[in-house]
Amino acid sequence: MMNKLILLLSLAFAFQVGLAAQQMEPVKWSFDAEKAADGTHTLTFSADIDKNWVIYGMKELDDGPIPTSINFEEGSFELVGDIATDSESSITDDPLFMIKLEKFKTEALFTQAVKVSGPTTVSGWVTFMTCDGERCLPPRDIDFSFDLK
């Protein structure tokens, strides 16, 4: 009888912890596209980061967290140049990973230029990891889609 009670309490606790982790979203992403005259569009990927949380730069390190990455599905468009970071970051010692890491606090803006020859959809996903100095949430993928004319 006691074993069943302990099992039931353990399952209830695990369920509550799982719900809390699912509801925690310290980073909210938004996406925007701006058209230029030559058939080029600038895609903007914006992360709004809650206080005390960070996301990491795009450089992959062997002993570090999952870096932020922007992944494109194949389509009828051409990437022009590399992804640019249009926000301020800091490179500091990280207490969790014990190495120097590029971090974004409060916001992160990334841009990618694409060239299209006609109406098309550019889609893919952003992968990122967020930590608050004491804990990290599992890496997440956030889908995006731009309908370009």
N, C-alpha and C. Protein backbone atom coordinates (compact mmCIF):
# COMPACT_ATOMS: atom_id res chain seq x y z
N MET A 1 0.82 -1.20 0.00
CA MET A 1 0.00 0.00 0.00
C MET A 1 0.86 1.26 0.00
N MET A 2 1.92 1.27 0.84
CA MET A 2 2.81 2.42 0.93
C MET A 2 3.54 2.63 -0.39
N ASN A 3 3.96 1.55 -1.06
CA ASN A 3 4.66 1.67 -2.35
C ASN A 3 3.75 2.32 -3.40
N LYS A 4 2.48 1.95 -3.40
CA LYS A 4 1.54 2.54 -4.36
C LYS A 4 1.36 4.03 -4.09
N LEU A 5 1.31 4.42 -2.83
CA LEU A 5 1.16 5.83 -2.48
C LEU A 5 2.39 6.63 -2.92
N ILE A 6 3.57 6.07 -2.67
CA ILE A 6 4.81 6.75 -3.09
C ILE A 6 4.85 6.87 -4.61
N LEU A 7 4.48 5.82 -5.32
CA LEU A 7 4.46 5.86 -6.79
C LEU A 7 3.47 6.91 -7.28
N LEU A 8 2.29 6.95 -6.69
CA LEU A 8 1.28 7.93 -7.08
C LEU A 8 1.76 9.36 -6.84
N LEU A 9 2.36 9.61 -5.69
CA LEU A 9 2.89 10.95 -5.38
C LEU A 9 4.04 11.31 -6.33
N SER A 10 4.89 10.35 -6.64
CA SER A 10 6.00 10.60 -7.57
C SER A 10 5.49 10.95 -8.95
N LEU A 11 4.48 10.25 -9.42
CA LEU A 11 3.90 10.54 -10.74
C LEU A 11 3.25 11.91 -10.75
N ALA A 12 2.55 12.26 -9.69
CA ALA A 12 1.91 13.58 -9.61
C ALA A 12 2.97 14.68 -9.62
N PHE A 13 4.06 14.49 -8.89
CA PHE A 13 5.14 15.47 -8.87
C PHE A 13 5.79 15.60 -10.24
N ALA A 14 6.07 14.48 -10.89
CA ALA A 14 6.68 14.50 -12.23
C ALA A 14 5.76 15.21 -13.22
N PHE A 15 4.47 15.00 -13.12
CA PHE A 15 3.50 15.66 -14.01
C PHE A 15 3.53 17.16 -13.80
N GLN A 16 3.56 17.61 -12.53
CA GLN A 16 3.60 19.04 -12.22
C GLN A 16 4.88 19.68 -12.76
N VAL A 17 6.03 19.02 -12.57
CA VAL A 17 7.31 19.54 -13.07
C VAL A 17 7.27 19.62 -14.59
N GLY A 18 6.72 18.60 -15.24
CA GLY A 18 6.60 18.60 -16.70
C GLY A 18 5.73 19.74 -17.20
N LEU A 19 4.62 19.99 -16.53
CA LEU A 19 3.75 21.11 -16.91
C LEU A 19 4.45 22.45 -16.74
N ALA A 20 5.16 22.61 -15.65
CA ALA A 20 5.86 23.87 -15.40
C ALA A 20 6.91 24.12 -16.48
N ALA A 21 7.65 23.08 -16.88
CA ALA A 21 8.68 23.23 -17.91
C ALA A 21 8.05 23.58 -19.25
N GLN A 22 6.89 22.98 -19.57
CA GLN A 22 6.23 23.27 -20.83
C GLN A 22 5.70 24.70 -20.87
N GLN A 23 5.29 25.24 -19.74
CA GLN A 23 4.71 26.57 -19.70
C GLN A 23 5.77 27.66 -19.66
N MET A 24 7.00 27.33 -19.33
CA MET A 24 8.06 28.31 -19.24
C MET A 24 8.56 28.64 -20.64
N GLU A 25 8.34 29.87 -21.05
CA GLU A 25 8.80 30.34 -22.36
C GLU A 25 9.49 31.68 -22.20
N PRO A 26 10.75 31.68 -21.75
CA PRO A 26 11.43 32.95 -21.52
C PRO A 26 11.88 33.66 -22.81
N VAL A 27 11.73 33.01 -23.96
CA VAL A 27 12.11 33.62 -25.23
C VAL A 27 10.92 33.53 -26.19
N LYS A 28 10.53 34.70 -26.72
CA LYS A 28 9.45 34.75 -27.71
C LYS A 28 10.03 35.25 -29.03
N TRP A 29 9.76 34.52 -30.10
CA TRP A 29 10.31 34.85 -31.41
C TRP A 29 9.25 35.52 -32.28
N SER A 30 9.68 36.46 -33.11
CA SER A 30 8.83 37.05 -34.13
C SER A 30 9.66 37.17 -35.41
N PHE A 31 8.95 37.25 -36.53
CA PHE A 31 9.61 37.22 -37.84
C PHE A 31 9.00 38.29 -38.74
N ASP A 32 9.85 38.93 -39.55
CA ASP A 32 9.39 39.98 -40.43
C ASP A 32 10.22 39.95 -41.72
N ALA A 33 9.64 40.43 -42.81
CA ALA A 33 10.35 40.51 -44.09
C ALA A 33 10.16 41.91 -44.66
N GLU A 34 11.23 42.44 -45.25
CA GLU A 34 11.18 43.74 -45.90
C GLU A 34 11.74 43.59 -47.31
N LYS A 35 10.99 44.10 -48.28
CA LYS A 35 11.36 43.95 -49.69
C LYS A 35 12.23 45.12 -50.15
N ALA A 36 13.26 44.78 -50.94
CA ALA A 36 14.09 45.78 -51.60
C ALA A 36 13.71 45.81 -53.08
N ALA A 37 14.17 46.79 -53.81
CA ALA A 37 13.77 46.99 -55.20
C ALA A 37 14.28 45.91 -56.16
N ASP A 38 15.38 45.27 -55.82
CA ASP A 38 16.01 44.34 -56.76
C ASP A 38 15.57 42.88 -56.61
N GLY A 39 14.42 42.63 -55.99
CA GLY A 39 13.96 41.25 -55.79
C GLY A 39 14.56 40.60 -54.55
N THR A 40 15.31 41.39 -53.79
CA THR A 40 15.90 40.89 -52.55
C THR A 40 14.98 41.25 -51.38
N HIS A 41 14.89 40.35 -50.44
CA HIS A 41 14.13 40.59 -49.21
C HIS A 41 15.08 40.41 -48.03
N THR A 42 14.90 41.23 -47.00
CA THR A 42 15.64 41.05 -45.76
C THR A 42 14.70 40.40 -44.76
N LEU A 43 15.08 39.22 -44.31
CA LEU A 43 14.29 38.48 -43.31
C LEU A 43 14.86 38.81 -41.94
N THR A 44 13.98 39.14 -41.00
CA THR A 44 14.41 39.48 -39.65
C THR A 44 13.83 38.47 -38.67
N PHE A 45 14.71 37.97 -37.82
CA PHE A 45 14.37 36.99 -36.79
C PHE A 45 14.64 37.66 -35.45
N SER A 46 13.59 37.94 -34.69
CA SER A 46 13.71 38.71 -33.44
C SER A 46 13.36 37.85 -32.24
N ALA A 47 14.26 37.84 -31.26
CA ALA A 47 14.02 37.13 -30.01
C ALA A 47 13.84 38.16 -28.90
N ASP A 48 12.71 38.10 -28.21
CA ASP A 48 12.44 38.92 -27.05
C ASP A 48 12.72 38.03 -25.83
N ILE A 49 13.73 38.38 -25.05
CA ILE A 49 14.24 37.50 -23.99
C ILE A 49 13.87 38.07 -22.62
N ASP A 50 13.24 37.23 -21.80
CA ASP A 50 12.85 37.65 -20.45
C ASP A 50 14.06 38.00 -19.60
N LYS A 51 13.82 38.85 -18.59
CA LYS A 51 14.87 39.27 -17.66
C LYS A 51 15.53 38.06 -17.02
N ASN A 52 16.85 38.12 -16.88
CA ASN A 52 17.70 37.10 -16.27
C ASN A 52 17.94 35.87 -17.16
N TRP A 53 17.37 35.85 -18.36
CA TRP A 53 17.59 34.74 -19.28
C TRP A 53 18.50 35.20 -20.42
N VAL A 54 19.16 34.28 -21.07
CA VAL A 54 20.01 34.58 -22.22
C VAL A 54 19.79 33.52 -23.29
N ILE A 55 20.09 33.88 -24.54
CA ILE A 55 20.30 32.89 -25.57
C ILE A 55 21.74 33.06 -26.04
N TYR A 56 22.25 32.08 -26.73
CA TYR A 56 23.65 32.04 -27.08
C TYR A 56 23.87 32.41 -28.55
N GLY A 57 25.10 32.82 -28.85
CA GLY A 57 25.48 33.17 -30.21
C GLY A 57 25.43 31.98 -31.15
N MET A 58 25.83 32.22 -32.38
CA MET A 58 25.73 31.20 -33.43
C MET A 58 26.98 30.34 -33.57
N LYS A 59 28.02 30.63 -32.80
CA LYS A 59 29.26 29.86 -32.90
C LYS A 59 29.13 28.56 -32.12
N GLU A 60 29.41 27.46 -32.80
CA GLU A 60 29.33 26.15 -32.15
C GLU A 60 30.64 25.85 -31.45
N LEU A 61 30.55 25.46 -30.18
CA LEU A 61 31.71 25.12 -29.37
C LEU A 61 31.57 23.70 -28.85
N ASP A 62 32.69 23.00 -28.74
CA ASP A 62 32.64 21.60 -28.28
C ASP A 62 32.06 21.45 -26.88
N ASP A 63 32.43 22.35 -25.97
CA ASP A 63 32.02 22.21 -24.58
C ASP A 63 30.93 23.19 -24.18
N GLY A 64 30.23 23.76 -25.15
CA GLY A 64 29.27 24.79 -24.83
C GLY A 64 27.84 24.35 -25.05
N PRO A 65 26.94 25.31 -24.94
CA PRO A 65 25.51 25.05 -25.14
C PRO A 65 25.20 24.89 -26.63
N ILE A 66 23.97 24.54 -26.91
CA ILE A 66 23.51 24.50 -28.29
C ILE A 66 23.47 25.94 -28.80
N PRO A 67 24.19 26.25 -29.88
CA PRO A 67 24.17 27.63 -30.38
C PRO A 67 22.84 27.95 -31.08
N THR A 68 22.55 29.22 -31.20
CA THR A 68 21.39 29.64 -31.98
C THR A 68 21.70 29.38 -33.45
N SER A 69 20.75 28.81 -34.17
CA SER A 69 20.94 28.58 -35.61
C SER A 69 19.63 28.85 -36.33
N ILE A 70 19.76 29.30 -37.57
CA ILE A 70 18.61 29.52 -38.43
C ILE A 70 18.75 28.59 -39.61
N ASN A 71 17.77 27.72 -39.76
CA ASN A 71 17.83 26.65 -40.75
C ASN A 71 16.73 26.85 -41.78
N PHE A 72 17.09 26.78 -43.05
CA PHE A 72 16.14 27.02 -44.13
C PHE A 72 15.82 25.72 -44.85
N GLU A 73 14.53 25.53 -45.14
CA GLU A 73 14.12 24.43 -45.99
C GLU A 73 14.42 24.82 -47.44
N GLU A 74 14.66 23.84 -48.29
CA GLU A 74 14.94 24.14 -49.69
C GLU A 74 13.74 24.79 -50.35
N GLY A 75 14.01 25.71 -51.27
CA GLY A 75 12.93 26.40 -51.96
C GLY A 75 13.47 27.19 -53.12
N SER A 76 12.60 27.95 -53.76
CA SER A 76 13.00 28.72 -54.93
C SER A 76 13.45 30.12 -54.50
N PHE A 77 14.54 30.16 -53.77
CA PHE A 77 15.16 31.40 -53.32
C PHE A 77 16.65 31.16 -53.16
N GLU A 78 17.38 32.25 -53.09
CA GLU A 78 18.83 32.16 -52.93
C GLU A 78 19.23 32.99 -51.72
N LEU A 79 20.01 32.39 -50.82
CA LEU A 79 20.53 33.15 -49.67
C LEU A 79 21.60 34.10 -50.18
N VAL A 80 21.56 35.34 -49.74
CA VAL A 80 22.53 36.34 -50.16
C VAL A 80 23.38 36.70 -48.94
N GLY A 81 24.63 36.29 -48.94
CA GLY A 81 25.51 36.56 -47.81
C GLY A 81 25.20 35.66 -46.63
N ASP A 82 25.79 36.03 -45.51
CA ASP A 82 25.62 35.26 -44.28
C ASP A 82 24.57 35.90 -43.38
N ILE A 83 24.16 35.17 -42.38
CA ILE A 83 23.24 35.71 -41.38
C ILE A 83 24.00 36.77 -40.58
N ALA A 84 23.38 37.91 -40.40
CA ALA A 84 23.99 39.00 -39.64
C ALA A 84 23.30 39.12 -38.29
N THR A 85 24.06 39.53 -37.30
CA THR A 85 23.52 39.80 -35.97
C THR A 85 23.37 41.30 -35.83
N ASP A 86 22.15 41.75 -35.63
CA ASP A 86 21.88 43.18 -35.55
C ASP A 86 21.51 43.62 -34.14
N SER A 87 22.14 43.02 -33.14
CA SER A 87 21.88 43.43 -31.77
C SER A 87 23.15 43.24 -30.95
N GLU A 88 23.15 43.88 -29.80
CA GLU A 88 24.33 43.86 -28.94
C GLU A 88 24.39 42.55 -28.15
N SER A 89 25.57 41.96 -28.15
CA SER A 89 25.79 40.76 -27.36
C SER A 89 26.99 41.01 -26.46
N SER A 90 27.22 40.10 -25.55
CA SER A 90 28.41 40.18 -24.71
C SER A 90 29.09 38.82 -24.69
N ILE A 91 30.40 38.84 -24.57
CA ILE A 91 31.17 37.60 -24.44
C ILE A 91 31.70 37.58 -23.02
N THR A 92 31.15 36.65 -22.24
CA THR A 92 31.49 36.59 -20.83
C THR A 92 31.68 35.14 -20.39
N ASP A 93 32.31 34.97 -19.21
CA ASP A 93 32.42 33.65 -18.62
C ASP A 93 31.03 33.18 -18.24
N ASP A 94 30.71 31.95 -18.57
CA ASP A 94 29.40 31.39 -18.26
C ASP A 94 29.54 30.48 -17.05
N PRO A 95 28.72 30.69 -15.98
CA PRO A 95 28.85 29.87 -14.77
C PRO A 95 28.41 28.42 -14.97
N LEU A 96 27.57 28.15 -15.95
CA LEU A 96 27.09 26.79 -16.16
C LEU A 96 28.06 25.96 -17.02
N PHE A 97 28.62 26.58 -18.05
CA PHE A 97 29.48 25.85 -18.97
C PHE A 97 30.96 26.10 -18.71
N MET A 98 31.27 27.07 -17.86
CA MET A 98 32.63 27.40 -17.44
C MET A 98 33.57 27.71 -18.61
N ILE A 99 33.05 28.40 -19.61
CA ILE A 99 33.84 28.90 -20.74
C ILE A 99 33.28 30.27 -21.12
N LYS A 100 34.02 31.02 -21.93
CA LYS A 100 33.53 32.30 -22.43
C LYS A 100 32.54 32.04 -23.57
N LEU A 101 31.37 32.67 -23.48
CA LEU A 101 30.32 32.47 -24.47
C LEU A 101 29.72 33.80 -24.90
N GLU A 102 29.29 33.86 -26.16
CA GLU A 102 28.53 35.01 -26.64
C GLU A 102 27.08 34.82 -26.18
N LYS A 103 26.55 35.87 -25.52
CA LYS A 103 25.20 35.82 -24.98
C LYS A 103 24.41 37.05 -25.41
N PHE A 104 23.11 36.84 -25.61
CA PHE A 104 22.18 37.93 -25.87
C PHE A 104 21.22 38.02 -24.70
N LYS A 105 21.07 39.22 -24.17
CA LYS A 105 20.14 39.48 -23.08
C LYS A 105 19.07 40.43 -23.61
N THR A 106 17.90 40.34 -23.16
CA THR A 106 16.71 41.14 -23.49
C THR A 106 16.26 41.01 -24.94
N GLU A 107 17.18 41.05 -25.93
CA GLU A 107 16.77 40.86 -27.32
C GLU A 107 17.93 40.36 -28.16
N ALA A 108 17.56 39.70 -29.24
CA ALA A 108 18.53 39.29 -30.26
C ALA A 108 17.86 39.45 -31.61
N LEU A 109 18.54 40.10 -32.53
CA LEU A 109 18.02 40.30 -33.89
C LEU A 109 19.01 39.72 -34.89
N PHE A 110 18.49 38.87 -35.74
CA PHE A 110 19.30 38.27 -36.80
C PHE A 110 18.64 38.61 -38.13
N THR A 111 19.44 38.85 -39.16
CA THR A 111 18.88 39.12 -40.49
C THR A 111 19.57 38.25 -41.53
N GLN A 112 18.81 37.91 -42.55
CA GLN A 112 19.32 37.15 -43.69
C GLN A 112 18.67 37.71 -44.94
N ALA A 113 19.50 38.07 -45.93
CA ALA A 113 18.97 38.53 -47.21
C ALA A 113 18.72 37.32 -48.10
N VAL A 114 17.61 37.35 -48.84
CA VAL A 114 17.29 36.30 -49.81
C VAL A 114 16.87 36.96 -51.11
N LYS A 115 17.18 36.30 -52.21
CA LYS A 115 16.79 36.79 -53.53
C LYS A 115 15.77 35.81 -54.09
N VAL A 116 14.67 36.36 -54.60
CA VAL A 116 13.61 35.53 -55.19
C VAL A 116 13.33 36.05 -56.60
N SER A 117 12.87 35.14 -57.46
CA SER A 117 12.55 35.56 -58.83
C SER A 117 11.05 35.71 -59.05
N GLY A 118 10.27 35.33 -58.08
CA GLY A 118 8.82 35.44 -58.15
C GLY A 118 8.24 35.14 -56.78
N PRO A 119 6.93 35.10 -56.67
CA PRO A 119 6.32 34.79 -55.37
C PRO A 119 6.79 33.42 -54.87
N THR A 120 7.17 33.37 -53.63
CA THR A 120 7.64 32.12 -53.05
C THR A 120 7.48 32.16 -51.53
N THR A 121 7.60 31.03 -50.92
CA THR A 121 7.58 30.92 -49.46
C THR A 121 8.96 30.49 -49.00
N VAL A 122 9.49 31.19 -48.03
CA VAL A 122 10.75 30.83 -47.39
C VAL A 122 10.38 30.34 -45.99
N SER A 123 10.73 29.10 -45.71
CA SER A 123 10.37 28.55 -44.41
C SER A 123 11.54 27.78 -43.82
N GLY A 124 11.43 27.50 -42.55
CA GLY A 124 12.46 26.76 -41.84
C GLY A 124 12.21 26.82 -40.36
N TRP A 125 13.29 26.82 -39.58
CA TRP A 125 13.16 26.83 -38.14
C TRP A 125 14.39 27.46 -37.50
N VAL A 126 14.17 28.05 -36.33
CA VAL A 126 15.24 28.59 -35.50
C VAL A 126 15.45 27.60 -34.36
N THR A 127 16.70 27.23 -34.13
CA THR A 127 17.04 26.38 -32.98
C THR A 127 17.79 27.24 -31.99
N PHE A 128 17.43 27.15 -30.72
CA PHE A 128 18.11 27.95 -29.69
C PHE A 128 18.01 27.24 -28.35
N MET A 129 18.87 27.67 -27.46
CA MET A 129 18.87 27.18 -26.08
C MET A 129 18.90 28.40 -25.18
N THR A 130 18.18 28.35 -24.07
CA THR A 130 18.14 29.48 -23.15
C THR A 130 18.46 29.01 -21.73
N CYS A 131 19.21 29.87 -21.02
CA CYS A 131 19.61 29.57 -19.65
C CYS A 131 19.46 30.84 -18.81
N ASP A 132 19.39 30.65 -17.50
CA ASP A 132 19.25 31.81 -16.61
C ASP A 132 20.35 31.90 -15.56
N GLY A 133 21.46 31.22 -15.74
CA GLY A 133 22.56 31.27 -14.77
C GLY A 133 22.52 30.15 -13.76
N GLU A 134 21.34 29.55 -13.58
CA GLU A 134 21.19 28.42 -12.66
C GLU A 134 20.73 27.15 -13.36
N ARG A 135 20.03 27.33 -14.48
CA ARG A 135 19.47 26.18 -15.19
C ARG A 135 19.32 26.53 -16.67
N CYS A 136 19.21 25.49 -17.46
CA CYS A 136 18.98 25.66 -18.89
C CYS A 136 17.73 24.87 -19.27
N LEU A 137 16.99 25.41 -20.21
CA LEU A 137 15.87 24.68 -20.76
C LEU A 137 16.37 23.89 -21.96
N PRO A 138 15.72 22.80 -22.30
CA PRO A 138 16.15 22.02 -23.46
C PRO A 138 16.10 22.88 -24.73
N PRO A 139 16.97 22.59 -25.69
CA PRO A 139 16.92 23.32 -26.96
C PRO A 139 15.54 23.22 -27.59
N ARG A 140 15.14 24.30 -28.29
CA ARG A 140 13.83 24.33 -28.94
C ARG A 140 13.98 24.69 -30.39
N ASP A 141 13.05 24.23 -31.19
CA ASP A 141 12.93 24.62 -32.59
C ASP A 141 11.65 25.41 -32.73
N ILE A 142 11.76 26.60 -33.34
CA ILE A 142 10.60 27.44 -33.61
C ILE A 142 10.49 27.59 -35.13
N ASP A 143 9.36 27.17 -35.68
CA ASP A 143 9.14 27.24 -37.14
C ASP A 143 8.87 28.68 -37.57
N PHE A 144 9.31 29.00 -38.80
CA PHE A 144 8.98 30.29 -39.39
C PHE A 144 8.60 30.08 -40.85
N SER A 145 7.85 31.04 -41.39
CA SER A 145 7.46 31.01 -42.78
C SER A 145 7.22 32.44 -43.26
N PHE A 146 7.84 32.78 -44.38
CA PHE A 146 7.67 34.10 -44.99
C PHE A 146 7.04 33.90 -46.37
N ASP A 147 5.93 34.55 -46.63
CA ASP A 147 5.33 34.54 -47.97
C ASP A 147 5.82 35.78 -48.69
N LEU A 148 6.72 35.59 -49.64
CA LEU A 148 7.36 36.71 -50.33
C LEU A 148 6.74 36.88 -51.71
N LYS A 149 6.43 38.10 -52.06
CA LYS A 149 5.80 38.41 -53.34
C LYS A 149 6.83 38.95 -54.30
